[in-house]
N, C-alpha and C. Protein backbone atom coordinates (compact mmCIF):
# COMPACT_ATOMS: atom_id res chain seq x y z
N MET A 1 182.90 -137.22 -10.56
CA MET A 1 182.23 -137.80 -9.41
C MET A 1 181.33 -136.76 -8.75
N ARG A 2 181.88 -135.56 -8.61
CA ARG A 2 181.13 -134.49 -7.97
C ARG A 2 179.88 -134.15 -8.79
N ARG A 3 180.01 -134.11 -10.13
CA ARG A 3 178.87 -133.83 -11.00
C ARG A 3 177.81 -134.91 -10.89
N THR A 4 178.25 -136.16 -10.79
CA THR A 4 177.31 -137.27 -10.66
C THR A 4 176.52 -137.15 -9.37
N LEU A 5 177.20 -136.87 -8.27
CA LEU A 5 176.51 -136.70 -6.99
C LEU A 5 175.55 -135.52 -7.02
N LEU A 6 175.96 -134.44 -7.64
CA LEU A 6 175.11 -133.26 -7.76
C LEU A 6 173.86 -133.58 -8.58
N ALA A 7 174.05 -134.28 -9.68
CA ALA A 7 172.92 -134.65 -10.54
C ALA A 7 171.97 -135.58 -9.80
N LEU A 8 172.52 -136.57 -9.10
CA LEU A 8 171.67 -137.50 -8.35
C LEU A 8 170.95 -136.81 -7.21
N SER A 9 171.62 -135.87 -6.54
CA SER A 9 170.96 -135.18 -5.44
C SER A 9 169.80 -134.32 -5.94
N ALA A 10 169.86 -133.87 -7.17
CA ALA A 10 168.77 -133.08 -7.74
C ALA A 10 167.66 -133.96 -8.28
N LEU A 11 167.99 -135.12 -8.84
CA LEU A 11 167.00 -135.98 -9.47
C LEU A 11 166.30 -136.93 -8.51
N CYS A 12 166.97 -137.39 -7.48
CA CYS A 12 166.37 -138.35 -6.55
C CYS A 12 165.10 -137.82 -5.88
N PRO A 13 165.08 -136.58 -5.37
CA PRO A 13 163.82 -136.11 -4.78
C PRO A 13 162.69 -136.07 -5.79
N LEU A 14 162.98 -135.77 -7.05
CA LEU A 14 161.93 -135.76 -8.07
C LEU A 14 161.40 -137.15 -8.32
N ALA A 15 162.27 -138.13 -8.37
CA ALA A 15 161.85 -139.51 -8.60
C ALA A 15 161.02 -140.02 -7.43
N VAL A 16 161.46 -139.74 -6.21
CA VAL A 16 160.73 -140.17 -5.03
C VAL A 16 159.38 -139.47 -4.96
N ALA A 17 159.34 -138.18 -5.27
CA ALA A 17 158.06 -137.45 -5.26
C ALA A 17 157.10 -138.04 -6.26
N GLY A 18 157.58 -138.45 -7.42
CA GLY A 18 156.71 -139.05 -8.42
C GLY A 18 156.13 -140.37 -7.94
N VAL A 19 156.92 -141.17 -7.25
CA VAL A 19 156.44 -142.44 -6.73
C VAL A 19 155.46 -142.20 -5.59
N ALA A 20 155.77 -141.26 -4.71
CA ALA A 20 154.89 -141.00 -3.57
C ALA A 20 153.57 -140.41 -4.02
N ALA A 21 153.57 -139.61 -5.09
CA ALA A 21 152.34 -138.96 -5.55
C ALA A 21 151.43 -139.95 -6.27
N ALA A 22 151.98 -141.01 -6.83
CA ALA A 22 151.18 -141.98 -7.55
C ALA A 22 150.45 -142.86 -6.54
N ASP A 23 149.13 -142.78 -6.54
CA ASP A 23 148.32 -143.57 -5.63
C ASP A 23 147.28 -144.31 -6.45
N PRO A 24 147.68 -145.39 -7.12
CA PRO A 24 146.76 -146.06 -8.03
C PRO A 24 145.59 -146.69 -7.29
N ALA A 25 144.42 -146.60 -7.91
CA ALA A 25 143.23 -147.24 -7.34
C ALA A 25 143.35 -148.75 -7.56
N PRO A 26 142.76 -149.52 -6.67
CA PRO A 26 142.78 -150.97 -6.86
C PRO A 26 142.15 -151.34 -8.21
N PRO A 27 142.61 -152.41 -8.84
CA PRO A 27 142.03 -152.82 -10.12
C PRO A 27 140.52 -153.04 -10.00
N GLY A 28 139.79 -152.63 -11.02
CA GLY A 28 138.34 -152.82 -11.04
C GLY A 28 137.58 -151.75 -10.29
N THR A 29 138.26 -150.70 -9.82
CA THR A 29 137.55 -149.64 -9.11
C THR A 29 137.65 -148.32 -9.87
N GLY A 30 136.70 -147.47 -9.59
CA GLY A 30 136.69 -146.11 -10.09
C GLY A 30 136.36 -145.20 -8.93
N THR A 31 136.19 -143.93 -9.19
CA THR A 31 135.82 -143.02 -8.11
C THR A 31 134.51 -142.32 -8.44
N LEU A 32 133.83 -141.96 -7.38
CA LEU A 32 132.60 -141.18 -7.48
C LEU A 32 132.84 -139.89 -6.71
N THR A 33 132.65 -138.77 -7.37
CA THR A 33 132.76 -137.48 -6.72
C THR A 33 131.39 -136.82 -6.76
N VAL A 34 130.90 -136.45 -5.58
CA VAL A 34 129.63 -135.71 -5.49
C VAL A 34 129.95 -134.26 -5.19
N ARG A 35 129.10 -133.38 -5.69
CA ARG A 35 129.31 -131.96 -5.48
C ARG A 35 127.99 -131.33 -5.09
N ALA A 36 128.00 -130.60 -3.97
CA ALA A 36 126.82 -129.87 -3.48
C ALA A 36 127.07 -128.39 -3.70
N PHE A 37 126.12 -127.72 -4.35
CA PHE A 37 126.32 -126.30 -4.67
C PHE A 37 125.00 -125.55 -4.63
N THR A 38 125.10 -124.24 -4.62
CA THR A 38 123.93 -123.38 -4.60
C THR A 38 124.16 -122.19 -5.52
N GLY A 39 123.10 -121.61 -6.01
CA GLY A 39 123.19 -120.39 -6.81
C GLY A 39 123.43 -120.63 -8.28
N SER A 40 123.19 -119.57 -9.06
CA SER A 40 123.40 -119.67 -10.51
C SER A 40 124.89 -119.71 -10.83
N GLU A 41 125.70 -119.04 -10.02
CA GLU A 41 127.15 -119.19 -10.11
C GLU A 41 127.50 -120.11 -8.95
N PRO A 42 127.73 -121.38 -9.23
CA PRO A 42 127.80 -122.39 -8.17
C PRO A 42 128.73 -122.02 -7.01
N LEU A 43 128.14 -121.95 -5.83
CA LEU A 43 128.88 -121.76 -4.58
C LEU A 43 128.79 -123.07 -3.81
N PRO A 44 129.86 -123.51 -3.16
CA PRO A 44 129.86 -124.80 -2.47
C PRO A 44 128.93 -124.81 -1.26
N VAL A 45 128.34 -125.98 -1.03
CA VAL A 45 127.52 -126.22 0.16
C VAL A 45 128.27 -127.23 1.02
N ASN A 46 128.59 -126.84 2.24
CA ASN A 46 129.34 -127.66 3.18
C ASN A 46 128.37 -128.50 4.03
N ARG A 47 128.78 -129.71 4.37
CA ARG A 47 128.08 -130.60 5.30
C ARG A 47 126.75 -131.16 4.80
N ALA A 48 126.65 -131.41 3.51
CA ALA A 48 125.50 -132.15 2.98
C ALA A 48 125.86 -133.63 3.03
N ASP A 49 124.99 -134.46 3.60
CA ASP A 49 125.23 -135.90 3.66
C ASP A 49 124.59 -136.56 2.44
N ILE A 50 125.37 -137.36 1.72
CA ILE A 50 124.89 -138.00 0.49
C ILE A 50 125.16 -139.49 0.59
N ALA A 51 124.10 -140.29 0.52
CA ALA A 51 124.21 -141.75 0.61
C ALA A 51 124.43 -142.31 -0.78
N VAL A 52 125.30 -143.34 -0.85
CA VAL A 52 125.59 -144.03 -2.11
C VAL A 52 125.12 -145.47 -1.96
N THR A 53 124.24 -145.88 -2.88
CA THR A 53 123.63 -147.21 -2.82
C THR A 53 123.81 -147.90 -4.17
N PRO A 54 124.20 -149.17 -4.18
CA PRO A 54 124.22 -149.90 -5.45
C PRO A 54 122.81 -149.94 -6.04
N CYS A 55 122.69 -149.90 -7.36
CA CYS A 55 121.37 -149.87 -8.00
C CYS A 55 120.51 -151.08 -7.67
N ASP A 56 121.12 -152.23 -7.42
CA ASP A 56 120.36 -153.44 -7.14
C ASP A 56 120.22 -153.72 -5.64
N ALA A 57 120.44 -152.72 -4.79
CA ALA A 57 120.37 -152.91 -3.34
C ALA A 57 119.56 -151.78 -2.71
N GLU A 58 119.21 -151.97 -1.45
CA GLU A 58 118.45 -150.95 -0.73
C GLU A 58 119.28 -150.26 0.34
N GLU A 59 120.38 -150.88 0.74
CA GLU A 59 121.20 -150.34 1.82
C GLU A 59 122.41 -149.58 1.28
N ALA A 60 122.62 -148.39 1.82
CA ALA A 60 123.75 -147.56 1.40
C ALA A 60 125.06 -148.23 1.79
N ILE A 61 126.05 -148.13 0.90
CA ILE A 61 127.37 -148.69 1.19
C ILE A 61 128.35 -147.60 1.62
N ALA A 62 127.95 -146.33 1.42
CA ALA A 62 128.80 -145.21 1.83
C ALA A 62 127.93 -143.98 2.03
N THR A 63 128.33 -143.15 2.98
CA THR A 63 127.71 -141.84 3.15
C THR A 63 128.82 -140.82 3.07
N LEU A 64 128.69 -139.93 2.10
CA LEU A 64 129.69 -138.90 1.88
C LEU A 64 129.20 -137.60 2.49
N VAL A 65 130.12 -136.80 3.01
CA VAL A 65 129.79 -135.50 3.57
C VAL A 65 130.56 -134.46 2.79
N SER A 66 129.84 -133.53 2.17
CA SER A 66 130.52 -132.51 1.37
C SER A 66 131.38 -131.64 2.28
N GLY A 67 132.55 -131.29 1.78
CA GLY A 67 133.49 -130.48 2.53
C GLY A 67 133.32 -129.00 2.21
N PRO A 68 134.26 -128.19 2.68
CA PRO A 68 134.19 -126.75 2.44
C PRO A 68 134.13 -126.37 0.95
N ASP A 69 134.68 -127.25 0.09
CA ASP A 69 134.62 -126.98 -1.35
C ASP A 69 133.36 -127.56 -1.98
N GLY A 70 132.47 -128.14 -1.15
CA GLY A 70 131.20 -128.69 -1.63
C GLY A 70 131.29 -130.08 -2.21
N SER A 71 132.47 -130.71 -2.15
CA SER A 71 132.60 -132.02 -2.78
C SER A 71 133.09 -133.08 -1.81
N ALA A 72 132.90 -134.34 -2.21
CA ALA A 72 133.39 -135.50 -1.48
C ALA A 72 133.60 -136.61 -2.50
N THR A 73 134.58 -137.47 -2.26
CA THR A 73 134.94 -138.53 -3.22
C THR A 73 135.09 -139.85 -2.50
N VAL A 74 134.72 -140.93 -3.19
CA VAL A 74 134.89 -142.28 -2.66
C VAL A 74 135.30 -143.21 -3.81
N SER A 75 136.13 -144.20 -3.51
CA SER A 75 136.48 -145.25 -4.48
C SER A 75 135.45 -146.35 -4.37
N LEU A 76 134.98 -146.83 -5.53
CA LEU A 76 133.95 -147.87 -5.57
C LEU A 76 134.28 -148.90 -6.64
N PRO A 77 133.81 -150.13 -6.44
CA PRO A 77 133.93 -151.11 -7.53
C PRO A 77 133.10 -150.64 -8.72
N ALA A 78 133.52 -151.01 -9.91
CA ALA A 78 132.76 -150.64 -11.10
C ALA A 78 131.33 -151.15 -10.98
N GLY A 79 130.37 -150.31 -11.41
CA GLY A 79 128.98 -150.72 -11.36
C GLY A 79 128.03 -149.54 -11.35
N CYS A 80 126.75 -149.85 -11.18
CA CYS A 80 125.68 -148.86 -11.15
C CYS A 80 125.39 -148.45 -9.70
N TYR A 81 125.24 -147.13 -9.48
CA TYR A 81 124.99 -146.60 -8.14
C TYR A 81 123.96 -145.48 -8.20
N GLU A 82 123.32 -145.25 -7.06
CA GLU A 82 122.45 -144.10 -6.89
C GLU A 82 122.97 -143.27 -5.73
N ALA A 83 123.04 -141.96 -5.94
CA ALA A 83 123.46 -141.03 -4.88
C ALA A 83 122.23 -140.22 -4.49
N THR A 84 121.99 -140.14 -3.17
CA THR A 84 120.80 -139.46 -2.65
C THR A 84 121.20 -138.57 -1.48
N VAL A 85 120.72 -137.35 -1.46
CA VAL A 85 120.97 -136.46 -0.32
C VAL A 85 120.10 -136.94 0.83
N VAL A 86 120.73 -137.19 1.99
CA VAL A 86 119.99 -137.65 3.16
C VAL A 86 119.92 -136.59 4.26
N THR A 87 120.85 -135.65 4.27
CA THR A 87 120.82 -134.57 5.25
C THR A 87 121.12 -133.26 4.53
N VAL A 88 120.19 -132.32 4.66
CA VAL A 88 120.34 -131.00 4.05
C VAL A 88 120.85 -130.05 5.13
N PRO A 89 121.93 -129.32 4.84
CA PRO A 89 122.46 -128.37 5.84
C PRO A 89 121.41 -127.33 6.23
N GLY A 90 121.50 -126.83 7.48
CA GLY A 90 120.57 -125.82 7.99
C GLY A 90 120.55 -124.59 7.09
N GLY A 91 119.35 -124.05 6.88
CA GLY A 91 119.19 -122.86 6.06
C GLY A 91 119.13 -123.15 4.57
N CYS A 92 119.17 -124.43 4.20
CA CYS A 92 119.14 -124.81 2.79
C CYS A 92 117.97 -125.73 2.50
N GLY A 93 117.61 -125.80 1.25
CA GLY A 93 116.61 -126.75 0.77
C GLY A 93 117.14 -127.36 -0.51
N LEU A 94 116.79 -128.59 -0.78
CA LEU A 94 117.23 -129.29 -1.98
C LEU A 94 116.26 -128.98 -3.12
N THR A 95 116.76 -128.55 -4.27
CA THR A 95 115.87 -128.17 -5.36
C THR A 95 115.29 -129.38 -6.09
N ASP A 96 116.00 -130.51 -6.12
CA ASP A 96 115.51 -131.73 -6.76
C ASP A 96 115.84 -132.90 -5.85
N THR A 97 114.81 -133.57 -5.35
CA THR A 97 115.03 -134.63 -4.35
C THR A 97 115.23 -136.02 -4.97
N ASP A 98 115.16 -136.12 -6.29
CA ASP A 98 115.36 -137.43 -6.94
C ASP A 98 116.81 -137.88 -6.81
N PRO A 99 117.02 -139.19 -6.62
CA PRO A 99 118.41 -139.70 -6.59
C PRO A 99 119.06 -139.53 -7.96
N VAL A 100 120.38 -139.46 -7.96
CA VAL A 100 121.14 -139.40 -9.20
C VAL A 100 121.68 -140.80 -9.47
N ARG A 101 121.33 -141.36 -10.62
CA ARG A 101 121.82 -142.68 -11.00
C ARG A 101 123.02 -142.50 -11.91
N LEU A 102 124.09 -143.25 -11.64
CA LEU A 102 125.30 -143.13 -12.44
C LEU A 102 126.03 -144.45 -12.47
N THR A 103 126.95 -144.54 -13.42
CA THR A 103 127.76 -145.75 -13.58
C THR A 103 129.22 -145.41 -13.30
N VAL A 104 129.81 -146.16 -12.40
CA VAL A 104 131.24 -146.02 -12.10
C VAL A 104 131.97 -147.03 -12.97
N VAL A 105 132.94 -146.53 -13.74
CA VAL A 105 133.74 -147.36 -14.63
C VAL A 105 135.15 -147.44 -14.04
N ALA A 106 135.72 -148.62 -14.08
CA ALA A 106 137.07 -148.82 -13.53
C ALA A 106 138.05 -147.84 -14.15
N GLY A 107 138.85 -147.21 -13.29
CA GLY A 107 139.90 -146.31 -13.75
C GLY A 107 139.42 -144.92 -14.13
N THR A 108 138.14 -144.61 -13.92
CA THR A 108 137.63 -143.29 -14.26
C THR A 108 136.93 -142.67 -13.06
N GLU A 109 136.48 -141.43 -13.24
CA GLU A 109 135.78 -140.71 -12.18
C GLU A 109 134.37 -140.35 -12.67
N ALA A 110 133.36 -140.74 -11.90
CA ALA A 110 131.97 -140.38 -12.18
C ALA A 110 131.60 -139.20 -11.29
N HIS A 111 130.68 -138.35 -11.75
CA HIS A 111 130.29 -137.14 -11.02
C HIS A 111 128.78 -137.09 -10.83
N ALA A 112 128.37 -136.62 -9.66
CA ALA A 112 126.96 -136.35 -9.38
C ALA A 112 126.88 -134.99 -8.72
N GLY A 113 125.98 -134.15 -9.18
CA GLY A 113 125.83 -132.81 -8.62
C GLY A 113 124.46 -132.63 -7.99
N PHE A 114 124.42 -131.89 -6.89
CA PHE A 114 123.17 -131.60 -6.18
C PHE A 114 123.07 -130.09 -5.95
N ARG A 115 121.99 -129.50 -6.45
CA ARG A 115 121.79 -128.05 -6.30
C ARG A 115 120.87 -127.79 -5.12
N PHE A 116 121.32 -126.89 -4.26
CA PHE A 116 120.57 -126.48 -3.08
C PHE A 116 120.14 -125.04 -3.23
N GLY A 117 119.09 -124.68 -2.54
CA GLY A 117 118.71 -123.28 -2.38
C GLY A 117 118.95 -122.93 -0.93
N CYS A 118 119.84 -122.00 -0.68
CA CYS A 118 120.20 -121.63 0.70
C CYS A 118 119.89 -120.17 0.95
N ALA A 119 119.43 -119.90 2.18
CA ALA A 119 119.10 -118.52 2.55
C ALA A 119 120.35 -117.75 2.93
């Protein structure tokens, strides 16, 4: 009995942690991660605003703000999207102003990168 309780006390937290860590995306959705960076050895750019617009629309459905690691992520329904930098952090300039077109596939992660030149 004592061994059973000991085994359960060791295994239960692991089982609960596994359930709590699993955060499945809703069916039919994927994620989009944008990354803002500068330099030949990519350094993160914080506080770049990036608008996400469906390819067949003109209005953005999300605006992401890059964090201290230069990235931001959003869950989106599967489909075609364009990501565009709308606000460049002070002291920086965007090296390519064209939007990035990408396809979000359900259950996967799509990536868009934006290179900045910062003083």
